[in-house]
């Protein structure tokens, strides 16, 4: 005799369809996320559902679910009668995000200093050596190494909760970070800061690593605010000094 629960259970075909739909939704969400983080879909860009559905070869149902997932991460915003747009994160919110990131960086550094292995040290040292060889104008290459360095430190802690929170945060900050690397002397300075952090990890100096990573992140926050204020002042001049 079948119970009510058994009678209402989905068939194997229905279960397979659900898994396929969920997988497709996540695949589309990840693809759109990659375009946003790469700058191909810039802040404020309106997401055309028809064009995106055609691009990814899917119906609009999974696409809309993907957009809902991305809205939950904070990368896009959906508004009634206006559709979905890539979020423009206000400068004040970005400053708050940097504050939280500084705390996560410090925590990761303190945890890693207690358990870092020789192999992990070699990996980080290779990354800082690569940073030092990057020409001052190779912004994209340094940006890639910079992201990888901090991601490595967080991943090496082996703390999945910390890793998840850090990844969500860095995705929201991705549109601000590259701007902070454009000063002529920024890249050599950042490379030296990263090298000093590895020295502290090698010495297993947990408090020192935490302090250095916190200061490093706060330096990025200050540069971002400075750039934002300059951009706002320039925009104001452009709108007021006109014939």
C-alpha atoms as a PDB file:
ATOM      1  CA  UNK A   1       0.000   0.000   0.000  1.00  0.00           C
ATOM      2  CA  UNK A   2       1.281   3.421  -0.955  1.00  0.00           C
ATOM      3  CA  UNK A   3       1.305   6.111   1.715  1.00  0.00           C
ATOM      4  CA  UNK A   4       0.248   9.686   0.979  1.00  0.00           C
ATOM      5  CA  UNK A   5       3.885  10.796   1.108  1.00  0.00           C
ATOM      6  CA  UNK A   6       4.843   8.122  -1.426  1.00  0.00           C
ATOM      7  CA  UNK A   7       1.950   8.995  -3.700  1.00  0.00           C
ATOM      8  CA  UNK A   8       2.901  12.667  -3.738  1.00  0.00           C
ATOM      9  CA  UNK A   9       6.634  12.063  -4.218  1.00  0.00           C
ATOM     10  CA  UNK A  10       7.985  13.348  -7.535  1.00  0.00           C
ATOM     11  CA  UNK A  11       8.766  10.829 -10.238  1.00  0.00           C
ATOM     12  CA  UNK A  12      12.354  10.195 -11.334  1.00  0.00           C
ATOM     13  CA  UNK A  13      11.651  12.227 -14.488  1.00  0.00           C
ATOM     14  CA  UNK A  14      10.372  15.160 -12.419  1.00  0.00           C
ATOM     15  CA  UNK A  15      13.364  14.947 -10.084  1.00  0.00           C
ATOM     16  CA  UNK A  16      15.756  14.919 -13.039  1.00  0.00           C
ATOM     17  CA  UNK A  17      14.006  17.923 -14.589  1.00  0.00           C
ATOM     18  CA  UNK A  18      14.303  19.805 -11.289  1.00  0.00           C
ATOM     19  CA  UNK A  19      18.029  19.053 -11.024  1.00  0.00           C
ATOM     20  CA  UNK A  20      18.605  20.089 -14.638  1.00  0.00           C
ATOM     21  CA  UNK A  21      16.649  23.317 -14.159  1.00  0.00           C
ATOM     22  CA  UNK A  22      18.558  24.160 -10.974  1.00  0.00           C
ATOM     23  CA  UNK A  23      21.908  23.409 -12.623  1.00  0.00           C
ATOM     24  CA  UNK A  24      21.017  25.521 -15.658  1.00  0.00           C
ATOM     25  CA  UNK A  25      19.916  28.422 -13.465  1.00  0.00           C
ATOM     26  CA  UNK A  26      23.196  28.368 -11.544  1.00  0.00           C
ATOM     27  CA  UNK A  27      25.225  28.064 -14.743  1.00  0.00           C
ATOM     28  CA  UNK A  28      23.489  31.100 -16.249  1.00  0.00           C
ATOM     29  CA  UNK A  29      23.901  33.049 -12.984  1.00  0.00           C
ATOM     30  CA  UNK A  30      27.622  32.255 -12.887  1.00  0.00           C
ATOM     31  CA  UNK A  31      28.020  33.278 -16.540  1.00  0.00           C
ATOM     32  CA  UNK A  32      26.318  36.644 -15.975  1.00  0.00           C
ATOM     33  CA  UNK A  33      28.336  37.136 -12.784  1.00  0.00           C
ATOM     34  CA  UNK A  34      31.558  36.557 -14.740  1.00  0.00           C
ATOM     35  CA  UNK A  35      30.525  39.232 -17.264  1.00  0.00           C
ATOM     36  CA  UNK A  36      29.778  41.699 -14.458  1.00  0.00           C
ATOM     37  CA  UNK A  37      33.030  41.071 -12.603  1.00  0.00           C
ATOM     38  CA  UNK A  38      35.042  41.300 -15.834  1.00  0.00           C
ATOM     39  CA  UNK A  39      33.507  44.702 -16.561  1.00  0.00           C
ATOM     40  CA  UNK A  40      31.723  43.528 -19.721  1.00  0.00           C
ATOM     41  CA  UNK A  41      28.439  44.441 -18.026  1.00  0.00           C
ATOM     42  CA  UNK A  42      29.314  47.691 -16.214  1.00  0.00           C
ATOM     43  CA  UNK A  43      27.467  49.271 -13.270  1.00  0.00           C
ATOM     44  CA  UNK A  44      24.125  50.687 -14.348  1.00  0.00           C
ATOM     45  CA  UNK A  45      23.917  48.459 -17.427  1.00  0.00           C
ATOM     46  CA  UNK A  46      20.377  47.242 -18.144  1.00  0.00           C
ATOM     47  CA  UNK A  47      20.167  43.478 -18.555  1.00  0.00           C
ATOM     48  CA  UNK A  48      18.112  42.596 -21.629  1.00  0.00           C
ATOM     49  CA  UNK A  49      16.345  39.314 -20.844  1.00  0.00           C
ATOM     50  CA  UNK A  50      15.711  38.399 -24.472  1.00  0.00           C
ATOM     51  CA  UNK A  51      19.315  39.036 -25.515  1.00  0.00           C
ATOM     52  CA  UNK A  52      20.717  37.152 -22.528  1.00  0.00           C
ATOM     53  CA  UNK A  53      18.385  34.193 -23.062  1.00  0.00           C
ATOM     54  CA  UNK A  54      19.531  33.985 -26.681  1.00  0.00           C
ATOM     55  CA  UNK A  55      23.168  34.356 -25.677  1.00  0.00           C
ATOM     56  CA  UNK A  56      23.020  31.444 -23.236  1.00  0.00           C
ATOM     57  CA  UNK A  57      20.597  29.347 -25.275  1.00  0.00           C
ATOM     58  CA  UNK A  58      17.958  29.131 -22.576  1.00  0.00           C
ATOM     59  CA  UNK A  59      14.365  30.136 -21.964  1.00  0.00           C
ATOM     60  CA  UNK A  60      13.498  33.209 -19.933  1.00  0.00           C
ATOM     61  CA  UNK A  61      12.372  31.110 -16.940  1.00  0.00           C
ATOM     62  CA  UNK A  62      15.860  29.912 -15.874  1.00  0.00           C
ATOM     63  CA  UNK A  63      17.245  33.331 -16.807  1.00  0.00           C
ATOM     64  CA  UNK A  64      14.857  35.109 -14.453  1.00  0.00           C
ATOM     65  CA  UNK A  65      15.734  32.668 -11.685  1.00  0.00           C
ATOM     66  CA  UNK A  66      19.414  33.389 -12.346  1.00  0.00           C
ATOM     67  CA  UNK A  67      18.774  37.123 -12.059  1.00  0.00           C
ATOM     68  CA  UNK A  68      16.964  36.516  -8.776  1.00  0.00           C
ATOM     69  CA  UNK A  69      20.016  34.674  -7.435  1.00  0.00           C
ATOM     70  CA  UNK A  70      22.283  37.524  -8.513  1.00  0.00           C
ATOM     71  CA  UNK A  71      19.985  40.034  -6.840  1.00  0.00           C
ATOM     72  CA  UNK A  72      20.430  38.116  -3.583  1.00  0.00           C
ATOM     73  CA  UNK A  73      24.225  38.464  -3.892  1.00  0.00           C
ATOM     74  CA  UNK A  74      23.877  42.217  -4.404  1.00  0.00           C
ATOM     75  CA  UNK A  75      25.388  42.340  -7.901  1.00  0.00           C
ATOM     76  CA  UNK A  76      22.193  43.356  -9.677  1.00  0.00           C
ATOM     77  CA  UNK A  77      19.010  45.203  -8.806  1.00  0.00           C
ATOM     78  CA  UNK A  78      15.554  44.531 -10.178  1.00  0.00           C
ATOM     79  CA  UNK A  79      12.884  47.209 -10.181  1.00  0.00           C
ATOM     80  CA  UNK A  80       9.268  47.010 -11.233  1.00  0.00           C
ATOM     81  CA  UNK A  81       8.703  48.340 -14.755  1.00  0.00           C
ATOM     82  CA  UNK A  82      12.447  49.040 -15.131  1.00  0.00           C
ATOM     83  CA  UNK A  83      13.856  45.542 -15.307  1.00  0.00           C
ATOM     84  CA  UNK A  84      17.227  44.383 -14.011  1.00  0.00           C
ATOM     85  CA  UNK A  85      20.376  46.510 -13.879  1.00  0.00           C
ATOM     86  CA  UNK A  86      23.919  45.898 -12.718  1.00  0.00           C
ATOM     87  CA  UNK A  87      24.110  47.605  -9.356  1.00  0.00           C
ATOM     88  CA  UNK A  88      25.859  50.910  -8.881  1.00  0.00           C
ATOM     89  CA  UNK A  89      27.310  50.657  -5.384  1.00  0.00           C
ATOM     90  CA  UNK A  90      27.388  54.055  -3.648  1.00  0.00           C
ATOM     91  CA  UNK A  91      30.750  55.230  -2.367  1.00  0.00           C
ATOM     92  CA  UNK A  92      29.487  55.165   1.220  1.00  0.00           C
ATOM     93  CA  UNK A  93      28.471  51.515   0.887  1.00  0.00           C
ATOM     94  CA  UNK A  94      31.819  50.632  -0.674  1.00  0.00           C
ATOM     95  CA  UNK A  95      33.559  52.243   2.303  1.00  0.00           C
ATOM     96  CA  UNK A  96      31.480  50.078   4.649  1.00  0.00           C
ATOM     97  CA  UNK A  97      32.384  47.001   2.619  1.00  0.00           C
ATOM     98  CA  UNK A  98      36.076  47.858   2.914  1.00  0.00           C
ATOM     99  CA  UNK A  99      35.706  48.112   6.690  1.00  0.00           C
ATOM    100  CA  UNK A 100      34.253  44.606   6.842  1.00  0.00           C
ATOM    101  CA  UNK A 101      36.847  43.294   4.432  1.00  0.00           C
ATOM    102  CA  UNK A 102      39.631  44.675   6.620  1.00  0.00           C
ATOM    103  CA  UNK A 103      38.264  42.691   9.547  1.00  0.00           C
ATOM    104  CA  UNK A 104      38.003  39.493   7.491  1.00  0.00           C
ATOM    105  CA  UNK A 105      41.537  39.948   6.152  1.00  0.00           C
ATOM    106  CA  UNK A 106      42.876  40.411   9.676  1.00  0.00           C
ATOM    107  CA  UNK A 107      41.055  37.306  10.895  1.00  0.00           C
ATOM    108  CA  UNK A 108      42.367  35.242   7.980  1.00  0.00           C
ATOM    109  CA  UNK A 109      45.931  36.373   8.605  1.00  0.00           C
ATOM    110  CA  UNK A 110      45.762  35.577  12.315  1.00  0.00           C
ATOM    111  CA  UNK A 111      44.323  32.112  11.672  1.00  0.00           C
ATOM    112  CA  UNK A 112      46.781  31.276   8.911  1.00  0.00           C
ATOM    113  CA  UNK A 113      49.819  32.331  10.948  1.00  0.00           C
ATOM    114  CA  UNK A 114      48.982  29.565  13.420  1.00  0.00           C
ATOM    115  CA  UNK A 115      48.881  26.780  10.834  1.00  0.00           C
ATOM    116  CA  UNK A 116      50.711  27.824   7.660  1.00  0.00           C
ATOM    117  CA  UNK A 117      52.770  25.096   5.998  1.00  0.00           C
ATOM    118  CA  UNK A 118      56.113  25.448   4.171  1.00  0.00           C
ATOM    119  CA  UNK A 119      54.359  24.676   0.896  1.00  0.00           C
ATOM    120  CA  UNK A 120      51.792  27.431   1.472  1.00  0.00           C
ATOM    121  CA  UNK A 121      54.581  29.869   2.296  1.00  0.00           C
ATOM    122  CA  UNK A 122      56.330  29.005  -0.963  1.00  0.00           C
ATOM    123  CA  UNK A 123      53.106  29.591  -2.883  1.00  0.00           C
ATOM    124  CA  UNK A 124      52.626  33.040  -1.354  1.00  0.00           C
ATOM    125  CA  UNK A 125      56.293  33.908  -1.790  1.00  0.00           C
ATOM    126  CA  UNK A 126      56.116  32.968  -5.482  1.00  0.00           C
ATOM    127  CA  UNK A 127      53.140  35.284  -5.844  1.00  0.00           C
ATOM    128  CA  UNK A 128      54.911  38.244  -4.228  1.00  0.00           C
ATOM    129  CA  UNK A 129      57.976  37.603  -6.387  1.00  0.00           C
ATOM    130  CA  UNK A 130      55.720  37.731  -9.441  1.00  0.00           C
ATOM    131  CA  UNK A 131      54.201  40.993  -8.177  1.00  0.00           C
ATOM    132  CA  UNK A 132      57.632  42.581  -7.898  1.00  0.00           C
ATOM    133  CA  UNK A 133      58.347  41.791 -11.550  1.00  0.00           C
ATOM    134  CA  UNK A 134      55.150  43.436 -12.832  1.00  0.00           C
ATOM    135  CA  UNK A 135      55.788  46.759 -14.658  1.00  0.00           C
ATOM    136  CA  UNK A 136      54.057  49.788 -13.067  1.00  0.00           C
ATOM    137  CA  UNK A 137      51.708  50.145 -16.037  1.00  0.00           C
ATOM    138  CA  UNK A 138      50.597  46.464 -16.123  1.00  0.00           C
ATOM    139  CA  UNK A 139      47.481  47.144 -14.045  1.00  0.00           C
ATOM    140  CA  UNK A 140      45.439  44.138 -15.161  1.00  0.00           C
ATOM    141  CA  UNK A 141      48.232  41.668 -14.436  1.00  0.00           C
ATOM    142  CA  UNK A 142      48.860  43.101 -10.982  1.00  0.00           C
ATOM    143  CA  UNK A 143      45.133  43.190 -10.273  1.00  0.00           C
ATOM    144  CA  UNK A 144      44.958  39.460 -11.050  1.00  0.00           C
ATOM    145  CA  UNK A 145      47.915  38.673  -8.767  1.00  0.00           C
ATOM    146  CA  UNK A 146      46.541  40.893  -6.011  1.00  0.00           C
ATOM    147  CA  UNK A 147      43.168  39.131  -6.010  1.00  0.00           C
ATOM    148  CA  UNK A 148      44.875  35.745  -6.087  1.00  0.00           C
ATOM    149  CA  UNK A 149      47.143  36.606  -3.158  1.00  0.00           C
ATOM    150  CA  UNK A 150      44.318  37.585  -0.818  1.00  0.00           C
ATOM    151  CA  UNK A 151      42.106  34.721  -1.982  1.00  0.00           C
ATOM    152  CA  UNK A 152      44.957  32.315  -1.224  1.00  0.00           C
ATOM    153  CA  UNK A 153      45.387  33.600   2.304  1.00  0.00           C
ATOM    154  CA  UNK A 154      41.676  33.192   3.006  1.00  0.00           C
ATOM    155  CA  UNK A 155      41.456  29.750   1.361  1.00  0.00           C
ATOM    156  CA  UNK A 156      44.545  28.533   3.208  1.00  0.00           C
ATOM    157  CA  UNK A 157      42.810  29.068   6.551  1.00  0.00           C
ATOM    158  CA  UNK A 158      40.550  26.138   5.731  1.00  0.00           C
ATOM    159  CA  UNK A 159      37.587  27.998   7.238  1.00  0.00           C
ATOM    160  CA  UNK A 160      34.595  27.603   4.865  1.00  0.00           C
ATOM    161  CA  UNK A 161      32.457  30.249   6.590  1.00  0.00           C
ATOM    162  CA  UNK A 162      35.225  32.832   6.295  1.00  0.00           C
ATOM    163  CA  UNK A 163      35.817  31.868   2.656  1.00  0.00           C
ATOM    164  CA  UNK A 164      32.134  32.231   1.750  1.00  0.00           C
ATOM    165  CA  UNK A 165      31.729  35.628   3.406  1.00  0.00           C
ATOM    166  CA  UNK A 166      34.972  36.905   1.896  1.00  0.00           C
ATOM    167  CA  UNK A 167      34.008  35.855  -1.642  1.00  0.00           C
ATOM    168  CA  UNK A 168      30.613  37.558  -1.399  1.00  0.00           C
ATOM    169  CA  UNK A 169      32.291  40.734  -0.219  1.00  0.00           C
ATOM    170  CA  UNK A 170      35.052  40.818  -2.819  1.00  0.00           C
ATOM    171  CA  UNK A 171      32.541  40.412  -5.633  1.00  0.00           C
ATOM    172  CA  UNK A 172      30.796  43.597  -4.525  1.00  0.00           C
ATOM    173  CA  UNK A 173      34.124  45.415  -4.269  1.00  0.00           C
ATOM    174  CA  UNK A 174      35.439  44.185  -7.618  1.00  0.00           C
ATOM    175  CA  UNK A 175      34.361  47.324  -9.484  1.00  0.00           C
ATOM    176  CA  UNK A 176      36.300  49.585  -7.107  1.00  0.00           C
ATOM    177  CA  UNK A 177      39.581  47.742  -6.704  1.00  0.00           C
ATOM    178  CA  UNK A 178      41.161  48.246 -10.102  1.00  0.00           C
ATOM    179  CA  UNK A 179      40.887  52.020  -9.787  1.00  0.00           C
ATOM    180  CA  UNK A 180      43.204  51.981  -6.757  1.00  0.00           C
ATOM    181  CA  UNK A 181      46.103  50.576  -8.764  1.00  0.00           C
ATOM    182  CA  UNK A 182      46.435  53.343 -11.322  1.00  0.00           C
ATOM    183  CA  UNK A 183      48.904  55.647  -9.502  1.00  0.00           C
ATOM    184  CA  UNK A 184      52.426  55.340 -11.028  1.00  0.00           C
ATOM    185  CA  UNK A 185      54.034  54.132  -7.778  1.00  0.00           C
ATOM    186  CA  UNK A 186      51.077  52.089  -6.538  1.00  0.00           C
ATOM    187  CA  UNK A 187      52.154  48.720  -7.919  1.00  0.00           C
ATOM    188  CA  UNK A 188      55.699  48.641  -6.430  1.00  0.00           C
ATOM    189  CA  UNK A 189      54.289  49.886  -3.109  1.00  0.00           C
ATOM    190  CA  UNK A 190      51.611  47.186  -3.028  1.00  0.00           C
ATOM    191  CA  UNK A 191      54.161  44.515  -3.937  1.00  0.00           C
ATOM    192  CA  UNK A 192      56.310  45.537  -0.950  1.00  0.00           C
ATOM    193  CA  UNK A 193      53.294  45.436   1.374  1.00  0.00           C
ATOM    194  CA  UNK A 194      52.422  41.917   0.251  1.00  0.00           C
ATOM    195  CA  UNK A 195      56.006  40.747   0.695  1.00  0.00           C
ATOM    196  CA  UNK A 196      56.062  42.116   4.260  1.00  0.00           C
ATOM    197  CA  UNK A 197      52.839  40.211   5.016  1.00  0.00           C
ATOM    198  CA  UNK A 198      54.469  36.951   3.897  1.00  0.00           C
ATOM    199  CA  UNK A 199      57.483  37.696   6.124  1.00  0.00           C
ATOM    200  CA  UNK A 200      55.140  37.996   9.105  1.00  0.00           C
ATOM    201  CA  UNK A 201      53.403  34.744   8.175  1.00  0.00           C
ATOM    202  CA  UNK A 202      56.774  33.010   7.944  1.00  0.00           C
ATOM    203  CA  UNK A 203      57.530  34.255  11.480  1.00  0.00           C
ATOM    204  CA  UNK A 204      54.109  32.965  12.618  1.00  0.00           C
ATOM    205  CA  UNK A 205      53.409  36.412  14.001  1.00  0.00           C
ATOM    206  CA  UNK A 206      49.617  36.254  14.141  1.00  0.00           C
ATOM    207  CA  UNK A 207      48.989  39.707  15.659  1.00  0.00           C
ATOM    208  CA  UNK A 208      51.510  41.283  13.278  1.00  0.00           C
ATOM    209  CA  UNK A 209      49.934  39.667  10.211  1.00  0.00           C
ATOM    210  CA  UNK A 210      46.454  40.704  11.333  1.00  0.00           C
ATOM    211  CA  UNK A 211      47.579  44.301  11.858  1.00  0.00           C
ATOM    212  CA  UNK A 212      49.382  44.441   8.493  1.00  0.00           C
ATOM    213  CA  UNK A 213      46.429  43.025   6.549  1.00  0.00           C
ATOM    214  CA  UNK A 214      43.988  45.327   8.339  1.00  0.00           C
ATOM    215  CA  UNK A 215      46.150  48.361   7.524  1.00  0.00           C
ATOM    216  CA  UNK A 216      46.553  47.182   3.930  1.00  0.00           C
ATOM    217  CA  UNK A 217      42.783  46.986   3.451  1.00  0.00           C
ATOM    218  CA  UNK A 218      42.219  50.341   5.144  1.00  0.00           C
ATOM    219  CA  UNK A 219      44.783  51.857   2.792  1.00  0.00           C
ATOM    220  CA  UNK A 220      42.680  50.622  -0.107  1.00  0.00           C
ATOM    221  CA  UNK A 221      39.622  52.177   1.497  1.00  0.00           C
ATOM    222  CA  UNK A 222      41.317  55.556   1.820  1.00  0.00           C
ATOM    223  CA  UNK A 223      42.498  55.482  -1.802  1.00  0.00           C
ATOM    224  CA  UNK A 224      39.006  54.592  -2.947  1.00  0.00           C
ATOM    225  CA  UNK A 225      37.465  57.470  -1.001  1.00  0.00           C
ATOM    226  CA  UNK A 226      40.109  59.867  -2.300  1.00  0.00           C
ATOM    227  CA  UNK A 227      39.460  58.796  -5.902  1.00  0.00           C
ATOM    228  CA  UNK A 228      35.715  59.036  -5.346  1.00  0.00           C
ATOM    229  CA  UNK A 229      35.972  62.566  -3.988  1.00  0.00           C
ATOM    230  CA  UNK A 230      38.159  63.630  -6.914  1.00  0.00           C
ATOM    231  CA  UNK A 231      35.705  62.117  -9.394  1.00  0.00           C
ATOM    232  CA  UNK A 232      32.771  63.875  -7.708  1.00  0.00           C
ATOM    233  CA  UNK A 233      34.626  67.198  -7.755  1.00  0.00           C
ATOM    234  CA  UNK A 234      35.465  66.743 -11.430  1.00  0.00           C
ATOM    235  CA  UNK A 235      31.861  65.911 -12.258  1.00  0.00           C
ATOM    236  CA  UNK A 236      30.732  69.019 -10.378  1.00  0.00           C
ATOM    237  CA  UNK A 237      33.206  71.190 -12.318  1.00  0.00           C
ATOM    238  CA  UNK A 238      32.030  69.695 -15.601  1.00  0.00           C
ATOM    239  CA  UNK A 239      28.419  70.592 -14.850  1.00  0.00           C
ATOM    240  CA  UNK A 240      29.006  74.086 -13.429  1.00  0.00           C
ATOM    241  CA  UNK A 241      31.718  75.464 -15.711  1.00  0.00           C
ATOM    242  CA  UNK A 242      29.822  75.518 -18.974  1.00  0.00           C
ATOM    243  CA  UNK A 243      29.097  78.334 -21.410  1.00  0.00           C
END
